Amino acid sequence: MFLQVKANLKEVDNASSKIYEKLVPIVGNEKAFIVELVIIETCTNIVKHGCTMENNRIDIKVDIKQRDIEITISDSGKPFNPLKRKLPDLSRIEEFKDGGMGIYLIRSLAKKVSYKYVEGKNQLEMLL
């Protein structure tokens, strides 16, 4: 499944809902919810911090591989490797104000996360 959306929160919400609805009959509610959550968190960060021009697009690709789901999200925003971001210390609530919870959530839910910057695009690959 492949979707290309404008880099705005409404488009991200609509796309993640479509993906959830298509996945539920195949993988069940819980796994579909996790996929939707990961997509929303990743794309929200892209919209808020990466894609500053209105015409930017986000590509979302979801592939089902046996029991796993591969998600690839790419954008043409400024380069940002979320794997280099220090994860917040969950015992120190004051660290939450600096952000990073979305990245923490993604890295906690995924079996594998990789990042690369290729041909002017951020590309985040996640295996759930």
N, C-alpha and C. Protein backbone atom coordinates (compact mmCIF):
# COMPACT_ATOMS: atom_id res chain seq x y z
N MET A 1 0.85 -1.16 0.00
CA MET A 1 0.00 0.00 0.00
C MET A 1 0.90 1.23 0.00
N PHE A 2 0.58 2.19 -0.84
CA PHE A 2 1.37 3.41 -0.95
C PHE A 2 0.45 4.61 -0.98
N LEU A 3 0.78 5.61 -0.17
CA LEU A 3 0.04 6.87 -0.16
C LEU A 3 1.04 8.01 -0.20
N GLN A 4 0.69 9.04 -0.93
CA GLN A 4 1.47 10.27 -0.91
C GLN A 4 0.53 11.37 -0.42
N VAL A 5 0.95 12.08 0.62
CA VAL A 5 0.08 13.10 1.21
C VAL A 5 0.82 14.43 1.31
N LYS A 6 0.03 15.50 1.33
CA LYS A 6 0.60 16.82 1.60
C LYS A 6 1.11 16.82 3.03
N ALA A 7 2.15 17.59 3.26
CA ALA A 7 2.74 17.65 4.60
C ALA A 7 1.93 18.59 5.48
N ASN A 8 0.72 18.13 5.85
CA ASN A 8 -0.08 18.85 6.84
C ASN A 8 -0.81 17.83 7.71
N LEU A 9 -1.17 18.25 8.90
CA LEU A 9 -1.70 17.30 9.89
C LEU A 9 -3.02 16.66 9.48
N LYS A 10 -3.88 17.41 8.80
CA LYS A 10 -5.16 16.85 8.37
C LYS A 10 -4.94 15.71 7.37
N GLU A 11 -4.04 15.93 6.41
CA GLU A 11 -3.73 14.89 5.42
C GLU A 11 -3.12 13.66 6.09
N VAL A 12 -2.24 13.88 7.05
CA VAL A 12 -1.61 12.78 7.78
C VAL A 12 -2.67 11.97 8.52
N ASP A 13 -3.59 12.65 9.18
CA ASP A 13 -4.65 11.98 9.92
C ASP A 13 -5.53 11.14 8.98
N ASN A 14 -5.90 11.72 7.85
CA ASN A 14 -6.72 10.99 6.88
C ASN A 14 -6.00 9.76 6.34
N ALA A 15 -4.73 9.92 6.02
CA ALA A 15 -3.95 8.80 5.47
C ALA A 15 -3.79 7.68 6.50
N SER A 16 -3.47 8.04 7.73
CA SER A 16 -3.27 7.01 8.75
C SER A 16 -4.58 6.27 9.04
N SER A 17 -5.70 6.97 8.98
CA SER A 17 -7.01 6.32 9.18
C SER A 17 -7.30 5.33 8.05
N LYS A 18 -6.99 5.72 6.81
CA LYS A 18 -7.19 4.82 5.67
C LYS A 18 -6.35 3.56 5.81
N ILE A 19 -5.11 3.74 6.20
CA ILE A 19 -4.21 2.60 6.37
C ILE A 19 -4.74 1.69 7.47
N TYR A 20 -5.17 2.27 8.59
CA TYR A 20 -5.73 1.48 9.70
C TYR A 20 -6.91 0.64 9.20
N GLU A 21 -7.83 1.27 8.50
CA GLU A 21 -9.03 0.56 8.03
C GLU A 21 -8.68 -0.59 7.08
N LYS A 22 -7.68 -0.40 6.24
CA LYS A 22 -7.28 -1.47 5.32
C LYS A 22 -6.54 -2.60 6.03
N LEU A 23 -5.83 -2.27 7.11
CA LEU A 23 -5.05 -3.28 7.81
C LEU A 23 -5.86 -4.13 8.79
N VAL A 24 -6.91 -3.57 9.38
CA VAL A 24 -7.67 -4.29 10.41
C VAL A 24 -8.10 -5.69 9.96
N PRO A 25 -8.71 -5.85 8.78
CA PRO A 25 -9.13 -7.21 8.40
C PRO A 25 -7.96 -8.17 8.16
N ILE A 26 -6.78 -7.62 7.92
CA ILE A 26 -5.62 -8.46 7.60
C ILE A 26 -4.81 -8.82 8.84
N VAL A 27 -4.56 -7.82 9.70
CA VAL A 27 -3.66 -8.04 10.85
C VAL A 27 -4.33 -7.86 12.20
N GLY A 28 -5.58 -7.43 12.22
CA GLY A 28 -6.29 -7.23 13.48
C GLY A 28 -6.18 -5.81 14.00
N ASN A 29 -7.05 -5.49 14.97
CA ASN A 29 -7.13 -4.13 15.52
C ASN A 29 -5.85 -3.66 16.18
N GLU A 30 -5.26 -4.52 17.01
CA GLU A 30 -4.10 -4.09 17.79
C GLU A 30 -2.91 -3.74 16.90
N LYS A 31 -2.57 -4.62 15.98
CA LYS A 31 -1.42 -4.37 15.09
C LYS A 31 -1.71 -3.17 14.18
N ALA A 32 -2.94 -3.08 13.68
CA ALA A 32 -3.31 -1.94 12.83
C ALA A 32 -3.21 -0.63 13.61
N PHE A 33 -3.60 -0.65 14.88
CA PHE A 33 -3.50 0.55 15.71
C PHE A 33 -2.04 0.97 15.90
N ILE A 34 -1.17 -0.01 16.13
CA ILE A 34 0.25 0.30 16.32
C ILE A 34 0.83 0.91 15.04
N VAL A 35 0.47 0.35 13.89
CA VAL A 35 0.93 0.91 12.62
C VAL A 35 0.43 2.35 12.47
N GLU A 36 -0.84 2.57 12.75
CA GLU A 36 -1.41 3.91 12.64
C GLU A 36 -0.69 4.89 13.58
N LEU A 37 -0.43 4.47 14.79
CA LEU A 37 0.25 5.31 15.77
C LEU A 37 1.65 5.68 15.31
N VAL A 38 2.39 4.71 14.81
CA VAL A 38 3.75 4.97 14.32
C VAL A 38 3.73 5.93 13.14
N ILE A 39 2.78 5.75 12.25
CA ILE A 39 2.66 6.65 11.09
C ILE A 39 2.32 8.07 11.55
N ILE A 40 1.36 8.19 12.45
CA ILE A 40 0.97 9.52 12.95
C ILE A 40 2.15 10.21 13.64
N GLU A 41 2.85 9.50 14.50
CA GLU A 41 3.98 10.10 15.23
C GLU A 41 5.08 10.54 14.27
N THR A 42 5.43 9.67 13.33
CA THR A 42 6.49 10.00 12.39
C THR A 42 6.11 11.19 11.52
N CYS A 43 4.92 11.14 10.95
CA CYS A 43 4.49 12.19 10.03
C CYS A 43 4.22 13.51 10.74
N THR A 44 3.75 13.46 11.96
CA THR A 44 3.54 14.69 12.74
C THR A 44 4.88 15.40 12.96
N ASN A 45 5.91 14.62 13.29
CA ASN A 45 7.24 15.21 13.45
C ASN A 45 7.73 15.82 12.14
N ILE A 46 7.47 15.16 11.03
CA ILE A 46 7.87 15.68 9.73
C ILE A 46 7.17 17.01 9.46
N VAL A 47 5.86 17.06 9.70
CA VAL A 47 5.08 18.28 9.44
C VAL A 47 5.54 19.41 10.36
N LYS A 48 5.72 19.11 11.63
CA LYS A 48 6.05 20.17 12.59
C LYS A 48 7.49 20.64 12.51
N HIS A 49 8.41 19.75 12.16
CA HIS A 49 9.83 20.10 12.26
C HIS A 49 10.62 20.01 10.95
N GLY A 50 10.13 19.27 9.98
CA GLY A 50 10.96 19.01 8.80
C GLY A 50 10.52 19.69 7.54
N CYS A 51 9.26 19.59 7.21
CA CYS A 51 8.75 20.13 5.94
C CYS A 51 8.20 21.52 6.18
N THR A 52 8.98 22.52 5.83
CA THR A 52 8.57 23.89 6.11
C THR A 52 7.83 24.54 4.95
N MET A 53 7.90 23.94 3.77
CA MET A 53 7.20 24.51 2.62
C MET A 53 5.88 23.78 2.43
N GLU A 54 4.86 24.53 2.08
CA GLU A 54 3.51 23.98 1.97
C GLU A 54 3.36 22.90 0.91
N ASN A 55 4.16 22.94 -0.14
CA ASN A 55 4.00 21.97 -1.22
C ASN A 55 4.76 20.67 -0.97
N ASN A 56 5.40 20.52 0.17
CA ASN A 56 6.11 19.28 0.48
C ASN A 56 5.14 18.13 0.62
N ARG A 57 5.62 16.96 0.28
CA ARG A 57 4.81 15.74 0.34
C ARG A 57 5.52 14.72 1.21
N ILE A 58 4.70 13.83 1.75
CA ILE A 58 5.20 12.70 2.54
C ILE A 58 4.75 11.43 1.83
N ASP A 59 5.69 10.53 1.59
CA ASP A 59 5.37 9.23 1.00
C ASP A 59 5.30 8.20 2.12
N ILE A 60 4.22 7.43 2.12
CA ILE A 60 4.01 6.39 3.13
C ILE A 60 3.80 5.07 2.41
N LYS A 61 4.66 4.13 2.69
CA LYS A 61 4.57 2.80 2.07
C LYS A 61 4.44 1.77 3.19
N VAL A 62 3.45 0.89 3.06
CA VAL A 62 3.22 -0.15 4.06
C VAL A 62 3.17 -1.49 3.33
N ASP A 63 4.05 -2.41 3.74
CA ASP A 63 4.09 -3.75 3.16
C ASP A 63 3.93 -4.78 4.27
N ILE A 64 3.11 -5.78 4.01
CA ILE A 64 2.93 -6.88 4.95
C ILE A 64 3.84 -8.01 4.50
N LYS A 65 4.73 -8.43 5.40
CA LYS A 65 5.69 -9.50 5.12
C LYS A 65 5.48 -10.59 6.17
N GLN A 66 4.73 -11.60 5.80
CA GLN A 66 4.38 -12.69 6.71
C GLN A 66 3.76 -12.11 7.98
N ARG A 67 4.45 -12.18 9.10
CA ARG A 67 3.89 -11.69 10.36
C ARG A 67 4.31 -10.26 10.68
N ASP A 68 5.17 -9.70 9.86
CA ASP A 68 5.70 -8.36 10.12
C ASP A 68 5.10 -7.35 9.14
N ILE A 69 5.17 -6.10 9.54
CA ILE A 69 4.75 -5.00 8.68
C ILE A 69 5.93 -4.06 8.52
N GLU A 70 6.28 -3.78 7.27
CA GLU A 70 7.34 -2.83 6.97
C GLU A 70 6.70 -1.50 6.60
N ILE A 71 7.17 -0.46 7.23
CA ILE A 71 6.68 0.89 6.94
C ILE A 71 7.88 1.72 6.50
N THR A 72 7.73 2.40 5.38
CA THR A 72 8.76 3.32 4.92
C THR A 72 8.09 4.68 4.73
N ILE A 73 8.64 5.66 5.41
CA ILE A 73 8.12 7.03 5.31
C ILE A 73 9.26 7.91 4.84
N SER A 74 9.00 8.65 3.75
CA SER A 74 10.03 9.53 3.24
C SER A 74 9.46 10.93 2.99
N ASP A 75 10.35 11.90 3.08
CA ASP A 75 9.96 13.30 2.88
C ASP A 75 11.16 14.08 2.38
N SER A 76 10.89 15.23 1.81
CA SER A 76 11.96 16.07 1.27
C SER A 76 12.29 17.24 2.19
N GLY A 77 11.95 17.11 3.46
CA GLY A 77 12.28 18.15 4.43
C GLY A 77 13.76 18.14 4.76
N LYS A 78 14.14 19.00 5.69
CA LYS A 78 15.56 19.07 6.05
C LYS A 78 16.00 17.73 6.65
N PRO A 79 17.24 17.34 6.40
CA PRO A 79 17.74 16.05 6.91
C PRO A 79 17.62 15.96 8.43
N PHE A 80 17.09 14.83 8.89
CA PHE A 80 16.98 14.59 10.33
C PHE A 80 16.99 13.09 10.59
N ASN A 81 17.99 12.64 11.31
CA ASN A 81 18.09 11.24 11.68
C ASN A 81 17.58 11.07 13.11
N PRO A 82 16.36 10.53 13.27
CA PRO A 82 15.81 10.38 14.61
C PRO A 82 16.55 9.36 15.47
N LEU A 83 17.35 8.52 14.84
CA LEU A 83 18.10 7.51 15.60
C LEU A 83 19.29 8.12 16.33
N LYS A 84 19.68 9.33 15.94
CA LYS A 84 20.77 10.02 16.63
C LYS A 84 20.26 10.85 17.80
N ARG A 85 18.96 10.98 17.90
CA ARG A 85 18.36 11.76 18.99
C ARG A 85 18.41 10.94 20.28
N LYS A 86 18.87 11.57 21.35
CA LYS A 86 18.92 10.92 22.65
C LYS A 86 17.50 10.68 23.14
N LEU A 87 17.23 9.47 23.60
CA LEU A 87 15.91 9.15 24.12
C LEU A 87 15.72 9.79 25.50
N PRO A 88 14.50 10.25 25.79
CA PRO A 88 14.27 10.88 27.10
C PRO A 88 14.37 9.86 28.23
N ASP A 89 14.79 10.34 29.37
CA ASP A 89 14.83 9.52 30.59
C ASP A 89 13.41 9.54 31.17
N LEU A 90 12.74 8.41 31.10
CA LEU A 90 11.34 8.37 31.53
C LEU A 90 11.15 8.63 33.01
N SER A 91 12.20 8.53 33.79
CA SER A 91 12.07 8.81 35.23
C SER A 91 12.20 10.30 35.53
N ARG A 92 12.52 11.10 34.50
CA ARG A 92 12.70 12.55 34.69
C ARG A 92 11.68 13.28 33.83
N ILE A 93 10.54 13.58 34.40
CA ILE A 93 9.43 14.19 33.67
C ILE A 93 9.81 15.52 33.03
N GLU A 94 10.76 16.24 33.61
CA GLU A 94 11.15 17.53 33.05
C GLU A 94 11.79 17.37 31.66
N GLU A 95 12.30 16.20 31.33
CA GLU A 95 12.88 15.98 30.01
C GLU A 95 11.82 15.93 28.91
N PHE A 96 10.58 15.68 29.27
CA PHE A 96 9.51 15.57 28.28
C PHE A 96 9.26 16.89 27.56
N LYS A 97 9.54 18.01 28.21
CA LYS A 97 9.27 19.31 27.58
C LYS A 97 10.15 19.54 26.36
N ASP A 98 11.28 18.86 26.27
CA ASP A 98 12.17 19.00 25.12
C ASP A 98 11.78 18.10 23.95
N GLY A 99 10.71 17.35 24.11
CA GLY A 99 10.25 16.47 23.04
C GLY A 99 10.97 15.14 23.05
N GLY A 100 10.81 14.42 21.95
CA GLY A 100 11.47 13.13 21.84
C GLY A 100 10.58 11.95 22.20
N MET A 101 9.38 12.23 22.70
CA MET A 101 8.49 11.12 23.09
C MET A 101 8.00 10.35 21.87
N GLY A 102 7.74 11.04 20.76
CA GLY A 102 7.32 10.34 19.55
C GLY A 102 8.39 9.40 19.05
N ILE A 103 9.63 9.88 19.05
CA ILE A 103 10.76 9.05 18.63
C ILE A 103 10.92 7.88 19.58
N TYR A 104 10.79 8.14 20.87
CA TYR A 104 10.88 7.07 21.87
C TYR A 104 9.80 6.01 21.60
N LEU A 105 8.59 6.46 21.35
CA LEU A 105 7.47 5.56 21.10
C LEU A 105 7.73 4.70 19.86
N ILE A 106 8.16 5.33 18.79
CA ILE A 106 8.45 4.61 17.55
C ILE A 106 9.53 3.56 17.78
N ARG A 107 10.61 3.97 18.43
CA ARG A 107 11.72 3.04 18.66
C ARG A 107 11.33 1.92 19.62
N SER A 108 10.39 2.18 20.51
CA SER A 108 9.94 1.15 21.45
C SER A 108 9.01 0.13 20.79
N LEU A 109 8.18 0.60 19.87
CA LEU A 109 7.21 -0.28 19.23
C LEU A 109 7.78 -1.09 18.07
N ALA A 110 8.80 -0.58 17.43
CA ALA A 110 9.36 -1.24 16.25
C ALA A 110 10.40 -2.29 16.62
N LYS A 111 10.43 -3.36 15.85
CA LYS A 111 11.46 -4.38 16.02
C LYS A 111 12.79 -3.88 15.46
N LYS A 112 12.68 -3.04 14.41
CA LYS A 112 13.87 -2.52 13.76
C LYS A 112 13.51 -1.15 13.17
N VAL A 113 14.43 -0.21 13.30
CA VAL A 113 14.26 1.12 12.72
C VAL A 113 15.58 1.50 12.05
N SER A 114 15.48 1.99 10.81
CA SER A 114 16.69 2.47 10.14
C SER A 114 16.37 3.78 9.43
N TYR A 115 17.40 4.58 9.24
CA TYR A 115 17.26 5.88 8.61
C TYR A 115 18.35 6.06 7.57
N LYS A 116 18.00 6.72 6.47
CA LYS A 116 19.01 7.15 5.51
C LYS A 116 18.49 8.40 4.80
N TYR A 117 19.43 9.17 4.30
CA TYR A 117 19.11 10.36 3.52
C TYR A 117 19.59 10.09 2.11
N VAL A 118 18.65 9.96 1.17
CA VAL A 118 18.97 9.54 -0.18
C VAL A 118 18.30 10.48 -1.18
N GLU A 119 19.09 10.99 -2.11
CA GLU A 119 18.58 11.83 -3.19
C GLU A 119 17.68 12.97 -2.68
N GLY A 120 18.12 13.63 -1.62
CA GLY A 120 17.39 14.77 -1.08
C GLY A 120 16.18 14.41 -0.25
N LYS A 121 16.09 13.15 0.18
CA LYS A 121 14.93 12.73 0.98
C LYS A 121 15.35 11.98 2.23
N ASN A 122 14.65 12.30 3.34
CA ASN A 122 14.74 11.48 4.54
C ASN A 122 13.97 10.20 4.27
N GLN A 123 14.52 9.08 4.72
CA GLN A 123 13.79 7.82 4.56
C GLN A 123 13.92 7.04 5.86
N LEU A 124 12.79 6.86 6.52
CA LEU A 124 12.73 6.11 7.76
C LEU A 124 12.03 4.80 7.51
N GLU A 125 12.71 3.70 7.81
CA GLU A 125 12.14 2.37 7.62
C GLU A 125 11.95 1.73 8.99
N MET A 126 10.77 1.16 9.18
CA MET A 126 10.43 0.53 10.45
C MET A 126 9.84 -0.84 10.21
N LEU A 127 10.22 -1.78 11.04
CA LEU A 127 9.67 -3.12 10.98
C LEU A 127 8.90 -3.35 12.27
N LEU A 128 7.60 -3.63 12.12
CA LEU A 128 6.74 -3.85 13.29
C LEU A 128 6.28 -5.30 13.31
